[in-house]
Protein backbone atom coordinates (compact mmCIF):
# COMPACT_ATOMS: atom_id res chain seq x y z
CA UNK A 1 0.60 -0.29 0.00
CA UNK A 2 1.56 3.30 -0.95
CA UNK A 3 1.42 6.22 1.76
CA UNK A 4 0.01 9.39 0.56
CA UNK A 5 0.81 12.99 2.28
CA UNK A 6 -1.49 15.78 1.66
CA UNK A 7 0.08 19.38 2.68
CA UNK A 8 -1.41 22.36 2.88
CA UNK A 9 0.44 25.73 3.56
CA UNK A 10 -2.45 28.23 3.71
CA UNK A 11 -5.89 28.22 3.28
CA UNK A 12 -7.15 31.67 4.56
CA UNK A 13 -7.49 30.20 8.34
CA UNK A 14 -9.69 27.74 7.71
CA UNK A 15 -9.72 24.28 8.34
CA UNK A 16 -8.01 22.76 5.09
CA UNK A 17 -11.19 21.56 2.64
CA UNK A 18 -8.37 21.20 0.28
CA UNK A 19 -6.91 18.47 2.58
CA UNK A 20 -9.98 16.86 4.02
CA UNK A 21 -12.17 16.06 0.39
CA UNK A 22 -9.05 14.47 -1.40
CA UNK A 23 -8.33 12.40 1.68
CA UNK A 24 -11.78 11.20 1.47
CA UNK A 25 -10.98 9.79 -1.61
CA UNK A 26 -7.93 8.31 -1.25
CA UNK A 27 -9.37 6.64 1.88
CA UNK A 28 -12.16 5.16 -0.22
CA UNK A 29 -9.51 4.29 -2.81
CA UNK A 30 -7.38 1.94 0.11
CA UNK A 31 -4.73 4.44 0.56
CA UNK A 32 -2.87 5.46 3.55
CA UNK A 33 -3.12 8.98 3.77
CA UNK A 34 -1.40 11.67 6.39
CA UNK A 35 -2.53 15.17 6.14
CA UNK A 36 -0.34 18.28 7.23
CA UNK A 37 -1.52 21.42 7.47
CA UNK A 38 1.55 23.71 7.69
CA UNK A 39 -0.16 26.64 9.26
CA UNK A 40 -0.90 24.33 12.72
CA UNK A 41 1.29 21.34 12.05
CA UNK A 42 4.69 20.70 11.97
CA UNK A 43 6.06 18.53 9.05
CA UNK A 44 8.33 16.25 10.24
CA UNK A 45 11.41 14.65 7.87
CA UNK A 46 9.83 11.14 9.25
CA UNK A 47 6.15 11.74 7.25
CA UNK A 48 7.95 12.88 4.39
CA UNK A 49 10.65 9.89 4.02
CA UNK A 50 7.57 7.41 4.74
CA UNK A 51 5.50 8.84 1.36
CA UNK A 52 5.51 7.23 -1.57
CA UNK A 53 3.36 10.37 -2.91
CA UNK A 54 3.41 14.00 -1.59
CA UNK A 55 0.91 16.44 -2.93
CA UNK A 56 0.63 19.91 -2.57
CA UNK A 57 -2.88 21.67 -2.27
CA UNK A 58 -2.43 25.21 -4.29
CA UNK A 59 -5.63 26.56 -4.19
CA UNK A 60 -4.14 30.50 -4.31
CA UNK A 61 -1.14 32.77 -4.69
CA UNK A 62 -0.22 32.69 -0.70
CA UNK A 63 -0.41 29.20 -0.77
CA UNK A 64 1.40 28.40 -3.50
CA UNK A 65 4.29 31.15 -3.06
CA UNK A 66 4.69 29.20 0.73
CA UNK A 67 4.77 25.90 -0.82
CA UNK A 68 7.54 26.33 -3.00
CA UNK A 69 10.23 25.99 -0.68
CA UNK A 70 8.65 23.26 1.04
CA UNK A 71 9.14 21.06 -2.44
CA UNK A 72 12.83 21.38 -2.11
CA UNK A 73 12.84 20.28 1.17
CA UNK A 74 11.02 17.23 0.78
CA UNK A 75 13.04 16.73 -2.48
CA UNK A 76 15.78 16.35 -0.10
CA UNK A 77 14.62 14.70 2.58
CA UNK A 78 12.83 11.89 0.18
CA UNK A 79 14.28 12.19 -3.42
CA UNK A 80 11.97 8.92 -4.11
CA UNK A 81 8.63 10.29 -3.65
CA UNK A 82 6.31 11.24 -6.30
CA UNK A 83 5.57 14.86 -6.18
CA UNK A 84 2.30 16.46 -7.10
CA UNK A 85 0.75 19.53 -6.95
CA UNK A 86 -3.14 20.28 -6.84
CA UNK A 87 -5.63 22.74 -6.92
CA UNK A 88 -6.54 26.05 -9.23
CA UNK A 89 -2.85 27.41 -8.95
CA UNK A 90 -1.16 24.19 -9.88
CA UNK A 91 -2.18 24.52 -13.68
CA UNK A 92 -1.45 27.93 -13.83
CA UNK A 93 2.23 27.43 -12.63
CA UNK A 94 2.72 24.05 -14.25
CA UNK A 95 6.22 24.83 -15.68
CA UNK A 96 7.67 26.50 -12.80
CA UNK A 97 6.47 23.37 -10.36
CA UNK A 98 7.64 21.18 -12.94
CA UNK A 99 11.45 22.79 -12.82
CA UNK A 100 11.27 22.26 -9.18
CA UNK A 101 10.60 18.38 -9.77
CA UNK A 102 6.93 18.24 -9.06
CA UNK A 103 5.99 15.20 -11.65
CA UNK A 104 2.12 15.62 -11.47
CA UNK A 105 0.42 18.71 -12.04
CA UNK A 106 -3.76 18.40 -11.51
CA UNK A 107 -6.28 20.97 -11.68
CA UNK A 108 -9.29 22.22 -9.44
CA UNK A 109 -11.31 19.13 -9.73
CA UNK A 110 -8.77 17.07 -8.53
CA UNK A 111 -9.85 14.02 -6.01
CA UNK A 112 -10.65 11.54 -9.41
CA UNK A 113 -7.03 11.90 -10.46
CA UNK A 114 -5.71 12.26 -7.50
CA UNK A 115 -6.73 9.03 -6.36
CA UNK A 116 -6.29 7.52 -9.63
CA UNK A 117 -2.42 8.52 -9.55
CA UNK A 118 -2.04 6.85 -5.78
CA UNK A 119 -3.49 3.77 -7.09
CA UNK A 120 -1.45 3.50 -9.93
CA UNK A 121 2.34 4.25 -7.76
CA UNK A 122 1.12 1.56 -5.15
CA UNK A 123 0.39 -0.61 -8.35
CA UNK A 124 3.73 0.17 -9.52
CA UNK A 125 1.91 1.45 -13.39
CA UNK A 126 2.76 4.41 -14.72
CA UNK A 127 1.08 7.95 -13.29
CA UNK A 128 -1.97 7.52 -15.50
CA UNK A 129 -3.21 11.08 -17.60
CA UNK A 130 -5.86 13.07 -15.97
CA UNK A 131 -9.19 11.83 -17.69
CA UNK A 132 -10.21 15.97 -18.29
CA UNK A 133 -8.75 19.13 -17.69
CA UNK A 134 -11.98 19.47 -15.61
CA UNK A 135 -13.71 16.29 -14.64
CA UNK A 136 -17.34 16.15 -13.61
CA UNK A 137 -17.70 14.53 -10.27
CA UNK A 138 -19.60 12.87 -8.01
CA UNK A 139 -18.15 14.41 -4.80
CA UNK A 140 -17.58 12.82 -1.21
CA UNK A 141 -18.01 14.32 2.06
CA UNK A 142 -14.99 15.14 3.03
CA UNK A 143 -13.29 13.70 5.40
CA UNK A 144 -11.85 15.82 8.60
CA UNK A 145 -11.10 13.25 10.97
CA UNK A 146 -7.36 13.96 11.54
CA UNK A 147 -7.41 17.07 10.80
CA UNK A 148 -6.51 20.06 13.81
CA UNK A 149 -9.76 21.18 15.77
CA UNK A 150 -11.72 23.78 14.35
CA UNK A 151 -11.07 25.65 17.43
CA UNK A 152 -7.52 26.27 16.28
CA UNK A 153 -8.91 27.98 13.26
CA UNK A 154 -10.41 31.67 12.16
CA UNK A 155 -13.62 32.27 14.23
CA UNK A 156 -16.71 34.61 13.53
CA UNK A 157 -17.26 37.30 15.56
CA UNK A 158 -20.94 38.18 15.50
CA UNK A 159 -23.23 40.83 15.67
CA UNK A 160 -23.33 40.67 19.41
CA UNK A 161 -19.84 40.66 20.14
CA UNK A 162 -19.49 36.74 20.80
CA UNK A 163 -17.65 34.04 19.00
CA UNK A 164 -18.41 31.53 17.17
CA UNK A 165 -16.70 28.62 16.17
CA UNK A 166 -16.43 28.82 12.33
CA UNK A 167 -16.48 25.48 9.49
CA UNK A 168 -16.00 26.02 5.53
CA UNK A 169 -17.76 23.71 3.13
CA UNK A 170 -17.96 24.34 -1.16
CA UNK A 171 -21.19 23.90 -2.39
CA UNK A 172 -20.08 24.91 -6.19
CA UNK A 173 -16.40 25.40 -8.00
CA UNK A 174 -15.57 27.55 -10.70
CA UNK A 175 -17.50 30.71 -11.82
CA UNK A 176 -19.39 31.31 -15.28
CA UNK A 177 -18.08 34.97 -15.11
CA UNK A 178 -15.15 35.90 -17.01
CA UNK A 179 -13.22 38.87 -14.57
CA UNK A 180 -10.35 39.47 -16.45
CA UNK A 181 -8.31 39.86 -13.37
CA UNK A 182 -9.49 36.57 -11.70
CA UNK A 183 -7.43 33.67 -11.33
CA UNK A 184 -10.23 31.19 -11.89
CA UNK A 185 -10.99 32.49 -15.32
CA UNK A 186 -8.04 31.01 -17.01
CA UNK A 187 -8.51 27.41 -15.80
CA UNK A 188 -12.57 27.24 -15.64
CA UNK A 189 -13.05 29.54 -18.49
CA UNK A 190 -16.99 30.21 -17.87
CA UNK A 191 -17.32 26.92 -16.36
CA UNK A 192 -18.64 25.86 -12.86
CA UNK A 193 -19.93 22.86 -11.05
CA UNK A 194 -22.03 22.08 -8.69
CA UNK A 195 -21.72 19.92 -5.20
CA UNK A 196 -24.78 17.84 -4.25
CA UNK A 197 -26.61 19.10 -1.52
CA UNK A 198 -26.83 16.07 0.44
CA UNK A 199 -22.86 16.06 0.59
CA UNK A 200 -23.17 19.85 1.59
CA UNK A 201 -24.94 18.81 4.18
CA UNK A 202 -23.18 16.35 5.64
CA UNK A 203 -19.94 17.57 5.53
CA UNK A 204 -21.34 20.86 7.37
CA UNK A 205 -22.98 18.16 9.72
CA UNK A 206 -19.74 16.88 10.54
CA UNK A 207 -18.39 20.37 11.47
CA UNK A 208 -21.16 20.98 13.65
CA UNK A 209 -20.53 17.94 15.66
CA UNK A 210 -17.13 19.24 16.10
CA UNK A 211 -18.47 22.51 17.66
CA UNK A 212 -18.99 24.90 14.40
CA UNK A 213 -21.34 27.59 14.71
CA UNK A 214 -20.91 29.27 11.67
CA UNK A 215 -19.76 28.18 8.31
CA UNK A 216 -18.48 29.45 5.43
CA UNK A 217 -19.42 28.89 1.55
CA UNK A 218 -16.22 29.03 -0.18
CA UNK A 219 -17.63 28.95 -4.00
CA UNK A 220 -16.54 31.79 -6.21
CA UNK A 221 -19.87 33.06 -6.71
CA UNK A 222 -22.71 31.68 -4.73
CA UNK A 223 -25.69 32.59 -6.86
CA UNK A 224 -23.96 31.09 -9.89
CA UNK A 225 -26.83 28.40 -9.64
CA UNK A 226 -29.22 30.73 -7.54
CA UNK A 227 -31.84 27.51 -7.16
CA UNK A 228 -29.07 25.33 -6.16
CA UNK A 229 -27.95 27.87 -3.70
CA UNK A 230 -31.39 28.70 -2.06
CA UNK A 231 -31.83 24.79 -1.52
CA UNK A 232 -28.91 24.62 0.39
CA UNK A 233 -29.32 27.28 2.68
CA UNK A 234 -32.59 26.19 3.50
CA UNK A 235 -31.68 22.88 4.01
CA UNK A 236 -29.04 24.15 6.51
CA UNK A 237 -31.17 26.44 8.19
CA UNK A 238 -33.91 23.50 8.79
CA UNK A 239 -30.97 21.46 9.62
CA UNK A 240 -29.37 23.50 11.90
CA UNK A 241 -31.04 26.23 12.88
CA UNK A 242 -28.68 27.99 15.12
CA UNK A 243 -26.24 28.18 12.65
CA UNK A 244 -24.95 30.81 10.69
CA UNK A 245 -23.09 31.27 7.36
CA UNK A 246 -21.48 33.62 4.62
CA UNK A 247 -21.23 33.75 1.35
CA UNK A 248 -19.92 35.78 -2.07
CA UNK A 249 -21.56 36.76 -4.98
CA UNK A 250 -21.12 39.16 -7.52
CA UNK A 251 -22.23 42.76 -7.25
CA UNK A 252 -24.49 42.09 -10.32
CA UNK A 253 -25.76 38.84 -8.54
CA UNK A 254 -26.86 40.79 -5.87
CA UNK A 255 -29.49 43.25 -7.86
CA UNK A 256 -30.31 40.06 -10.17
CA UNK A 257 -31.56 38.06 -7.65
CA UNK A 258 -32.52 40.76 -5.07
CA UNK A 259 -35.69 38.96 -4.60
CA UNK A 260 -33.20 36.34 -2.84
CA UNK A 261 -31.58 38.57 -0.33
CA UNK A 262 -34.45 37.68 2.04
CA UNK A 263 -34.25 34.24 1.89
CA UNK A 264 -30.53 34.54 2.64
CA UNK A 265 -31.54 36.61 5.71
CA UNK A 266 -34.17 34.29 7.34
CA UNK A 267 -31.95 31.27 6.59
CA UNK A 268 -29.01 33.11 8.96
CA UNK A 269 -26.82 34.50 6.51
CA UNK A 270 -24.31 36.83 8.97
CA UNK A 271 -22.73 38.64 5.77
CA UNK A 272 -22.33 38.62 2.28
CA UNK A 273 -18.79 39.10 0.43
CA UNK A 274 -18.61 40.83 -3.00
CA UNK A 275 -15.75 41.64 -5.02
CA UNK A 276 -16.50 45.44 -5.35
CA UNK A 277 -12.42 45.92 -6.77
CA UNK A 278 -13.25 49.45 -7.40
CA UNK A 279 -15.52 52.74 -7.57
CA UNK A 280 -13.88 54.06 -10.99
CA UNK A 281 -16.20 52.83 -13.93
CA UNK A 282 -12.89 52.81 -16.35
CA UNK A 283 -11.22 50.19 -14.42
CA UNK A 284 -14.65 48.50 -13.56
CA UNK A 285 -14.45 48.21 -17.32
CA UNK A 286 -11.18 47.16 -17.55
CA UNK A 287 -11.56 44.45 -15.55
CA UNK A 288 -15.04 43.54 -16.95
CA UNK A 289 -16.79 43.21 -13.51
CA UNK A 290 -19.96 43.42 -15.05
CA UNK A 291 -21.32 46.41 -12.33
CA UNK A 292 -20.59 49.77 -12.16
CA UNK A 293 -20.19 52.52 -9.44
CA UNK A 294 -23.86 52.94 -9.33
CA UNK A 295 -24.87 49.84 -8.99
CA UNK A 296 -22.76 49.16 -6.19
CA UNK A 297 -24.60 51.74 -4.09
CA UNK A 298 -27.94 50.13 -5.68
CA UNK A 299 -26.38 46.70 -4.29
CA UNK A 300 -25.60 48.22 -0.87
CA UNK A 301 -28.97 49.46 -0.56
CA UNK A 302 -30.45 46.18 -1.33
CA UNK A 303 -28.73 44.43 1.23
CA UNK A 304 -30.01 47.55 3.69
CA UNK A 305 -33.53 46.76 2.91
CA UNK A 306 -33.16 43.02 3.25
CA UNK A 307 -31.07 42.97 6.49
CA UNK A 308 -28.27 41.42 4.71
CA UNK A 309 -24.69 42.56 5.91
CA UNK A 310 -22.78 43.60 2.67
CA UNK A 311 -19.06 42.69 3.26
CA UNK A 312 -16.80 44.72 -0.10
CA UNK A 313 -13.68 43.45 -1.14
CA UNK A 314 -10.98 45.76 -3.29
CA UNK A 315 -8.45 45.77 -5.90
CA UNK A 316 -7.54 49.71 -5.06
CA UNK A 317 -3.66 49.70 -6.48
CA UNK A 318 -4.15 49.13 -10.24
CA UNK A 319 -1.87 50.69 -12.77
CA UNK A 320 -5.35 52.82 -13.62
CA UNK A 321 -5.32 53.98 -10.01
CA UNK A 322 -4.42 57.74 -9.18
CA UNK A 323 -3.96 59.47 -5.42
CA UNK A 324 -6.84 61.23 -6.62
CA UNK A 325 -8.95 58.42 -7.62
CA UNK A 326 -7.70 56.28 -4.36
CA UNK A 327 -8.82 59.02 -1.96
CA UNK A 328 -12.44 59.22 -4.12
CA UNK A 329 -12.60 55.29 -3.17
CA UNK A 330 -12.14 56.05 0.07
CA UNK A 331 -14.32 58.68 0.08
CA UNK A 332 -17.38 56.52 -1.48
CA UNK A 333 -16.62 53.74 1.55
CA UNK A 334 -17.83 56.60 3.89
CA UNK A 335 -20.10 57.79 1.53
CA UNK A 336 -21.86 54.57 1.67
CA UNK A 337 -21.51 54.16 5.49
CA UNK A 338 -19.45 51.07 5.09
CA UNK A 339 -16.16 51.59 7.03
CA UNK A 340 -16.79 49.04 9.15
CA UNK A 341 -18.04 46.86 6.52
CA UNK A 342 -13.97 46.40 5.03
CA UNK A 343 -11.34 44.98 6.22
CA UNK A 344 -8.36 47.10 6.72
CA UNK A 345 -6.20 45.12 4.20
CA UNK A 346 -8.74 45.50 1.88
CA UNK A 347 -7.64 48.91 1.32
CA UNK A 348 -3.70 48.03 0.35
CA UNK A 349 -4.25 44.91 -1.80
CA UNK A 350 -2.21 45.27 -5.28
CA UNK A 351 -3.31 43.82 -8.44
CA UNK A 352 -2.14 40.49 -8.68
CA UNK A 353 -0.65 39.11 -12.55
CA UNK A 354 -0.44 35.47 -12.30
CA UNK A 355 0.57 32.98 -15.04
CA UNK A 356 -2.31 33.34 -17.82
CA UNK A 357 -4.05 36.47 -16.37
CA UNK A 358 -6.47 38.01 -18.70
CA UNK A 359 -4.73 41.59 -17.88
CA UNK A 360 -1.19 40.89 -19.70
CA UNK A 361 -2.87 41.65 -23.49
CA UNK A 362 -3.89 44.83 -22.17
CA UNK A 363 -2.00 47.67 -23.86
CA UNK A 364 -1.14 49.52 -20.67
CA UNK A 365 -0.42 46.12 -18.54
CA UNK A 366 2.34 44.87 -21.40
CA UNK A 367 3.72 48.48 -21.24
CA UNK A 368 4.38 48.26 -17.59
CA UNK A 369 4.83 44.52 -16.64
CA UNK A 370 8.55 43.08 -16.20
CA UNK A 371 9.17 39.41 -16.70
CA UNK A 372 7.38 36.71 -15.00
CA UNK A 373 9.58 36.67 -10.99
CA UNK A 374 9.19 32.80 -10.05
CA UNK A 375 9.52 33.38 -6.38
CA UNK A 376 6.96 35.78 -6.48
CA UNK A 377 4.61 33.94 -8.51
CA UNK A 378 3.19 37.06 -10.69
CA UNK A 379 4.44 39.17 -13.18
CA UNK A 380 5.51 42.67 -11.72
CA UNK A 381 3.91 45.99 -12.89
CA UNK A 382 5.36 49.50 -12.02
CA UNK A 383 2.95 52.34 -11.78
CA UNK A 384 3.82 55.40 -14.17
CA UNK A 385 3.34 57.40 -10.96
CA UNK A 386 5.68 56.39 -8.14
CA UNK A 387 3.67 57.86 -5.32
CA UNK A 388 1.00 55.53 -5.59
CA UNK A 389 3.27 52.53 -5.47
CA UNK A 390 5.10 54.07 -2.34
CA UNK A 391 1.76 54.85 -0.77
CA UNK A 392 0.67 51.19 -1.55
CA UNK A 393 3.74 50.41 0.26
CA UNK A 394 3.41 52.51 3.17
CA UNK A 395 -0.70 50.96 4.24
CA UNK A 396 0.67 47.75 3.52
CA UNK A 397 2.83 48.07 6.58
CA UNK A 398 0.21 50.55 8.31
CA UNK A 399 -2.21 47.44 8.00
CA UNK A 400 0.39 45.17 9.04
CA UNK A 401 1.27 46.75 11.91
CA UNK A 402 -2.18 46.89 13.10
CA UNK A 403 -3.50 43.67 12.44
CA UNK A 404 -5.97 43.57 16.05
CA UNK A 405 -6.82 47.27 16.00
CA UNK A 406 -10.35 48.37 15.53
CA UNK A 407 -11.31 48.56 11.30
CA UNK A 408 -12.48 52.43 12.01
CA UNK A 409 -9.68 53.41 13.57
CA UNK A 410 -7.46 51.44 10.88
CA UNK A 411 -9.55 53.35 8.33
CA UNK A 412 -9.07 56.55 10.17
CA UNK A 413 -5.20 56.22 9.46
CA UNK A 414 -5.61 55.06 6.03
CA UNK A 415 -7.61 58.19 5.37
CA UNK A 416 -5.15 60.63 6.91
CA UNK A 417 -2.02 59.09 5.25
CA UNK A 418 -3.86 58.82 1.89
CA UNK A 419 -4.74 62.31 1.76
CA UNK A 420 -1.61 63.73 2.96
CA UNK A 421 -0.20 62.08 0.19
CA UNK A 422 -2.35 63.79 -2.44
CA UNK A 423 -1.91 66.62 -1.21
CA UNK A 424 -5.36 67.34 -0.12
CA UNK A 425 -7.18 68.13 3.18
CA UNK A 426 -10.40 66.48 3.79
CA UNK A 427 -12.03 65.84 7.02
CA UNK A 428 -13.40 61.84 7.20
CA UNK A 429 -17.32 61.98 7.85
CA UNK A 430 -18.65 61.07 10.99
CA UNK A 431 -21.25 57.95 9.99
CA UNK A 432 -24.86 57.38 12.08
CA UNK A 433 -24.37 54.54 14.46
CA UNK A 434 -25.39 51.16 13.36
CA UNK A 435 -25.18 47.78 14.69
CA UNK A 436 -21.98 46.07 15.06
CA UNK A 437 -20.74 44.01 11.89
CA UNK A 438 -20.20 40.26 12.06
CA UNK A 439 -16.45 39.26 10.56
CA UNK A 440 -14.03 36.71 10.50
CA UNK A 441 -10.89 37.09 12.34
CA UNK A 442 -8.70 36.01 9.79
CA UNK A 443 -6.97 39.35 8.94
CA UNK A 444 -5.23 38.12 4.95
CA UNK A 445 -7.36 37.26 1.90
CA UNK A 446 -5.01 36.61 -0.65
């Protein structure tokens, strides 16, 4: 029997779904599986030396960067192991992974292919070719039994200020939209896959039994399949009436499916995350976001009318950002009374250009980027106004120093610094007091 070692390096403070799901498939195939979440566990040389297959879950940029030195270490400890990368960022970085000695690269629909790979290696057969880039899977209930307990992961601070253990699951994968900056698009190309509601409910049940009182749905867009989404949350509310949840969906879906927002509130939705990205209509067109600045204001009002908390995310620093438009972004956040809704890191994020980014064909991007940086997994770009790049660096440092500070306090510091750098003096408006904003206490988002 082959021994498989699954390694996760970062999954935004969550108990890693990307280890639990393939673990179920591998164990069903008779494979001896060890899961190591490096955010909570240490990787022992003994575990590495005993493994015939070592596989890294690479769902996002940070996770992949953190994996690179671990791949080199594993090769040194166990040069005979078959190395595999799987998840969204694996095919995006296939060439680099191959240079590091990773022999098999699987995409984000990886479970069956990973099980087939392990069985073939255990039987002494050559690694099989992947069945399809995006196979249609009949998903299994994730096996979380050997992962660190939920109490070691991110928690929800609810509207009453109480802390709730938070779990995580996925009711769908991929996205039918094609935003040009999104790393999902080059891999899924406008397609998405749904997970059977029975599987989602069983995964949530296991986490509730382990103490979870809140569930994050990690779907890139929960309303890609609105009928499926509503069925899932209604069944969750019926089975677990004291469990809250959060979802992510596009601004345009909040408007197109505004009639479903009361259902979210009634079934226990604590907040909805939406990738606003910018209030600059030009930038929104370039990113192909499918919404406008005016749409954002309408979505905010639709959510408030339905009693749903909206949590916007941003990519405020792009080649098209100016000091003036950055300050106007802050002013829009304040005018819409969203200061407490925005995680401070969202005020400092710089546009990432990974391999196969849809933005690399943009003329302005092409003139601003340098050669691919393997250590950073990006095409670096430089703003034509050096003051904008300098402000982003200052703000990232400011946010990093104040991870535990109240959101409003950090926003005020960002406001002052940005307006000083822009040479503008403008007092921060004082909005009306509102109820506390529920949020997950993991401070980093990329």
